[in-house]
Amino acid sequence: MLTADEIVRFDDAPAPPGRTAWVQGGPEAEAIAIVPAEPRWSADFELLAGIVREALGPLALDVEHVGSTSVPGLPAKPVIDLDLTVASSADEPAWLPQLEAAGFVLTVREPWWYEHRCLRFAEPRANLHVFAPDCPEAARHKIFRDWLREHPEDVALYRDAKLGAADEANAAGEHVMQYNARKQQVIREIYHRAFTASGLLE
């Protein structure tokens, strides 16, 4: 069972010396495109979640739509983010072959950060994040999503931060990880409000 302290404490530790999270090289250089919200994103999630569940059966303990495409009306990169919970994300032989056979490609492996794995899917474009049960990061994703769904003022704040970060990152020739860093302060501000309102922070 997760504690409040585990949920509100962010783990920003970098990769250990000599290690990289990227399985097949770093992220491809491409312009960061933030597009208006698409009603079809929820249907895209259902399609992708169905593929995951069909591939894994009962091994898929939970599949959640997270990230900006999970918030109605929020502009986003047109890439669906899903959080998949399996019994052990570190036990790749138990779940990875089935997902690869279904068309997912492992791109990120981070044993030092919640044993996180990330797989990409080509169409509809998606990032599938794999975590074990009671993972603080996965819990935070749902808290952030649910807060934004109920607080339009923070949707507007986050929208402006995303658009500004994309413009600045594109002008500097940066990749998506640097874009993410540019909007982190606003994300943490929104998290603080959500944590406080839910009683996780006093």
Protein backbone atom coordinates (compact mmCIF):
# COMPACT_ATOMS: atom_id res chain seq x y z
CA MET A 1 0.00 0.00 0.00
CA LEU A 2 1.36 3.38 -1.02
CA THR A 3 1.87 6.04 1.63
CA ALA A 4 1.20 9.74 1.20
CA ASP A 5 4.92 10.45 1.56
CA GLU A 6 5.75 8.09 -1.31
CA ILE A 7 3.20 9.75 -3.58
CA VAL A 8 4.21 13.37 -2.93
CA ARG A 9 7.97 12.75 -3.02
CA PHE A 10 9.28 13.02 -6.58
CA ASP A 11 12.26 10.94 -7.65
CA ASP A 12 14.34 13.09 -9.99
CA ALA A 13 17.56 11.12 -9.72
CA PRO A 14 19.45 10.87 -13.03
CA ALA A 15 20.60 7.59 -14.55
CA PRO A 16 23.57 6.02 -12.77
CA PRO A 17 26.99 6.84 -14.26
CA GLY A 18 27.57 4.96 -17.47
CA ARG A 19 23.92 3.94 -17.81
CA THR A 20 21.29 5.11 -20.27
CA ALA A 21 17.55 4.61 -20.28
CA TRP A 22 17.41 4.36 -24.06
CA VAL A 23 17.27 0.87 -25.49
CA GLN A 24 17.87 1.85 -29.12
CA GLY A 25 19.52 5.26 -28.94
CA GLY A 26 18.02 8.54 -27.77
CA PRO A 27 14.82 10.22 -28.92
CA GLU A 28 14.60 11.14 -32.56
CA ALA A 29 14.99 14.81 -33.39
CA GLU A 30 11.60 16.14 -34.45
CA ALA A 31 9.62 19.32 -34.01
CA ILE A 32 7.37 19.28 -30.97
CA ALA A 33 3.84 19.73 -32.27
CA ILE A 34 1.10 20.61 -29.79
CA VAL A 35 -2.28 20.24 -31.49
CA PRO A 36 -5.83 21.03 -30.38
CA ALA A 37 -7.57 18.31 -28.41
CA GLU A 38 -9.10 15.59 -30.57
CA PRO A 39 -12.30 13.79 -29.51
CA ARG A 40 -10.92 10.62 -31.11
CA TRP A 41 -8.12 10.35 -28.52
CA SER A 42 -10.39 8.51 -26.09
CA ALA A 43 -11.31 6.03 -28.84
CA ASP A 44 -7.61 5.64 -29.69
CA PHE A 45 -6.95 4.77 -26.06
CA GLU A 46 -9.70 2.16 -26.04
CA LEU A 47 -8.25 0.59 -29.19
CA LEU A 48 -4.75 0.49 -27.72
CA ALA A 49 -5.93 -0.77 -24.35
CA GLY A 50 -7.79 -3.54 -26.14
CA ILE A 51 -4.62 -4.56 -27.96
CA VAL A 52 -2.71 -4.64 -24.68
CA ARG A 53 -5.36 -6.64 -22.87
CA GLU A 54 -5.71 -9.11 -25.73
CA ALA A 55 -1.93 -9.59 -25.80
CA LEU A 56 -1.51 -10.04 -22.05
CA GLY A 57 -4.83 -11.35 -20.78
CA PRO A 58 -4.86 -11.45 -16.95
CA LEU A 59 -1.22 -10.31 -16.85
CA ALA A 60 -2.50 -6.80 -17.55
CA LEU A 61 -3.59 -5.83 -14.04
CA ASP A 62 -4.61 -2.31 -15.09
CA VAL A 63 -4.46 -0.12 -18.18
CA GLU A 64 -5.04 3.61 -17.71
CA HIS A 65 -5.27 6.53 -20.12
CA VAL A 66 -2.93 9.21 -18.73
CA GLY A 67 -1.12 12.30 -19.96
CA SER A 68 -2.54 15.25 -21.81
CA THR A 69 -4.62 13.27 -24.30
CA SER A 70 -6.62 11.90 -21.35
CA VAL A 71 -7.89 15.39 -20.43
CA PRO A 72 -10.78 16.67 -22.58
CA GLY A 73 -10.02 20.02 -24.19
CA LEU A 74 -6.29 20.02 -23.41
CA PRO A 75 -3.97 20.53 -26.40
CA ALA A 76 -1.31 17.84 -26.62
CA LYS A 77 1.25 16.06 -28.70
CA PRO A 78 -0.84 13.58 -30.74
CA VAL A 79 0.59 10.60 -28.87
CA ILE A 80 -1.54 8.53 -26.49
CA ASP A 81 0.05 7.77 -23.11
CA LEU A 82 -1.01 4.60 -21.34
CA ASP A 83 0.05 3.23 -17.97
CA LEU A 84 0.13 -0.56 -17.82
CA THR A 85 0.41 -2.32 -14.47
CA VAL A 86 1.88 -5.82 -14.42
CA ALA A 87 2.95 -7.98 -11.49
CA SER A 88 6.61 -7.09 -12.06
CA SER A 89 7.77 -4.61 -14.67
CA ALA A 90 11.32 -5.92 -14.11
CA ASP A 91 10.26 -9.42 -15.22
CA GLU A 92 10.31 -8.61 -18.92
CA PRO A 93 10.10 -12.24 -20.11
CA ALA A 94 6.66 -12.46 -18.50
CA TRP A 95 5.07 -9.68 -20.57
CA LEU A 96 7.40 -8.15 -23.16
CA PRO A 97 7.32 -10.86 -25.88
CA GLN A 98 3.53 -10.70 -26.04
CA LEU A 99 3.54 -6.93 -26.44
CA GLU A 100 6.28 -7.04 -29.06
CA ALA A 101 4.24 -9.59 -31.01
CA ALA A 102 1.33 -7.11 -30.88
CA GLY A 103 3.46 -4.35 -32.42
CA PHE A 104 4.92 -2.53 -29.42
CA VAL A 105 8.65 -1.68 -29.40
CA LEU A 106 10.65 -1.35 -26.19
CA THR A 107 12.42 2.03 -26.16
CA VAL A 108 13.13 2.85 -22.50
CA ARG A 109 14.36 0.69 -19.62
CA GLU A 110 14.92 2.38 -16.24
CA PRO A 111 15.57 -0.13 -13.45
CA TRP A 112 16.70 2.73 -11.19
CA TRP A 113 13.43 4.67 -11.59
CA TYR A 114 10.48 2.57 -10.38
CA GLU A 115 11.57 -0.25 -12.76
CA HIS A 116 9.90 1.77 -15.51
CA ARG A 117 9.73 0.53 -19.07
CA CYS A 118 8.29 2.40 -22.04
CA LEU A 119 7.19 0.93 -25.36
CA ARG A 120 6.09 2.76 -28.49
CA PHE A 121 3.28 1.91 -30.86
CA ALA A 122 3.19 3.28 -34.40
CA GLU A 123 -0.49 3.81 -35.24
CA PRO A 124 -2.20 5.30 -33.40
CA ARG A 125 1.00 6.73 -31.97
CA ALA A 126 1.38 5.76 -28.35
CA ASN A 127 3.74 5.45 -25.41
CA LEU A 128 3.00 2.49 -23.15
CA HIS A 129 4.51 2.95 -19.70
CA VAL A 130 4.91 -0.24 -17.70
CA PHE A 131 4.97 -0.20 -13.89
CA ALA A 132 4.54 -2.65 -11.04
CA PRO A 133 1.62 -2.37 -8.56
CA ASP A 134 1.67 0.45 -6.01
CA CYS A 135 4.06 2.56 -8.06
CA PRO A 136 4.12 6.19 -6.86
CA GLU A 137 4.64 7.55 -10.37
CA ALA A 138 1.62 5.73 -11.76
CA ALA A 139 -0.45 6.98 -8.82
CA ARG A 140 0.67 10.54 -9.54
CA HIS A 141 -0.32 10.22 -13.19
CA LYS A 142 -3.91 9.42 -12.21
CA ILE A 143 -4.03 12.19 -9.61
CA PHE A 144 -2.81 14.74 -12.17
CA ARG A 145 -5.28 13.54 -14.82
CA ASP A 146 -8.25 13.53 -12.47
CA TRP A 147 -7.39 16.95 -11.06
CA LEU A 148 -7.20 18.52 -14.50
CA ARG A 149 -10.48 16.93 -15.54
CA GLU A 150 -12.16 18.83 -12.70
CA HIS A 151 -10.21 22.12 -12.73
CA PRO A 152 -10.42 24.10 -15.98
CA GLU A 153 -8.29 26.92 -14.57
CA ASP A 154 -5.34 24.53 -14.28
CA VAL A 155 -6.07 23.10 -17.72
CA ALA A 156 -5.63 26.64 -19.07
CA LEU A 157 -2.44 27.13 -17.05
CA TYR A 158 -0.98 23.86 -18.24
CA ARG A 159 -2.04 24.54 -21.83
CA ASP A 160 -0.13 27.83 -21.84
CA ALA A 161 2.93 26.18 -20.27
CA LYS A 162 2.90 23.43 -22.89
CA LEU A 163 2.59 25.82 -25.81
CA GLY A 164 5.32 28.08 -24.45
CA ALA A 165 7.65 25.16 -23.75
CA ALA A 166 7.10 23.77 -27.24
CA ASP A 167 7.86 27.12 -28.87
CA GLU A 168 11.03 27.55 -26.82
CA ALA A 169 12.22 23.98 -27.33
CA ASN A 170 11.62 24.12 -31.07
CA ALA A 171 13.44 27.45 -31.36
CA ALA A 172 16.42 25.97 -29.51
CA GLY A 173 16.42 22.73 -31.49
CA GLU A 174 15.73 20.67 -28.38
CA HIS A 175 14.19 17.20 -28.08
CA VAL A 176 11.13 16.10 -26.14
CA MET A 177 12.95 15.51 -22.85
CA GLN A 178 14.06 19.14 -22.79
CA TYR A 179 10.53 20.23 -23.66
CA ASN A 180 9.31 18.23 -20.65
CA ALA A 181 11.85 19.95 -18.41
CA ARG A 182 10.67 23.38 -19.54
CA LYS A 183 7.13 22.75 -18.25
CA GLN A 184 8.07 20.91 -15.07
CA GLN A 185 7.66 23.87 -12.73
CA VAL A 186 4.03 24.38 -13.72
CA ILE A 187 3.38 20.64 -13.45
CA ARG A 188 4.75 20.63 -9.90
CA GLU A 189 2.59 23.64 -8.99
CA ILE A 190 -0.51 21.80 -10.17
CA TYR A 191 0.53 18.66 -8.34
CA HIS A 192 0.94 20.64 -5.13
CA ARG A 193 -2.64 21.90 -5.36
CA ALA A 194 -3.94 18.41 -6.12
CA PHE A 195 -1.96 16.84 -3.28
CA THR A 196 -3.10 19.48 -0.81
CA ALA A 197 -6.76 19.20 -1.81
CA SER A 198 -6.69 15.42 -1.44
CA GLY A 199 -5.11 15.55 2.00
CA LEU A 200 -1.75 14.11 0.92
CA LEU A 201 -0.05 17.37 1.93
CA GLU A 202 -0.92 19.46 4.95
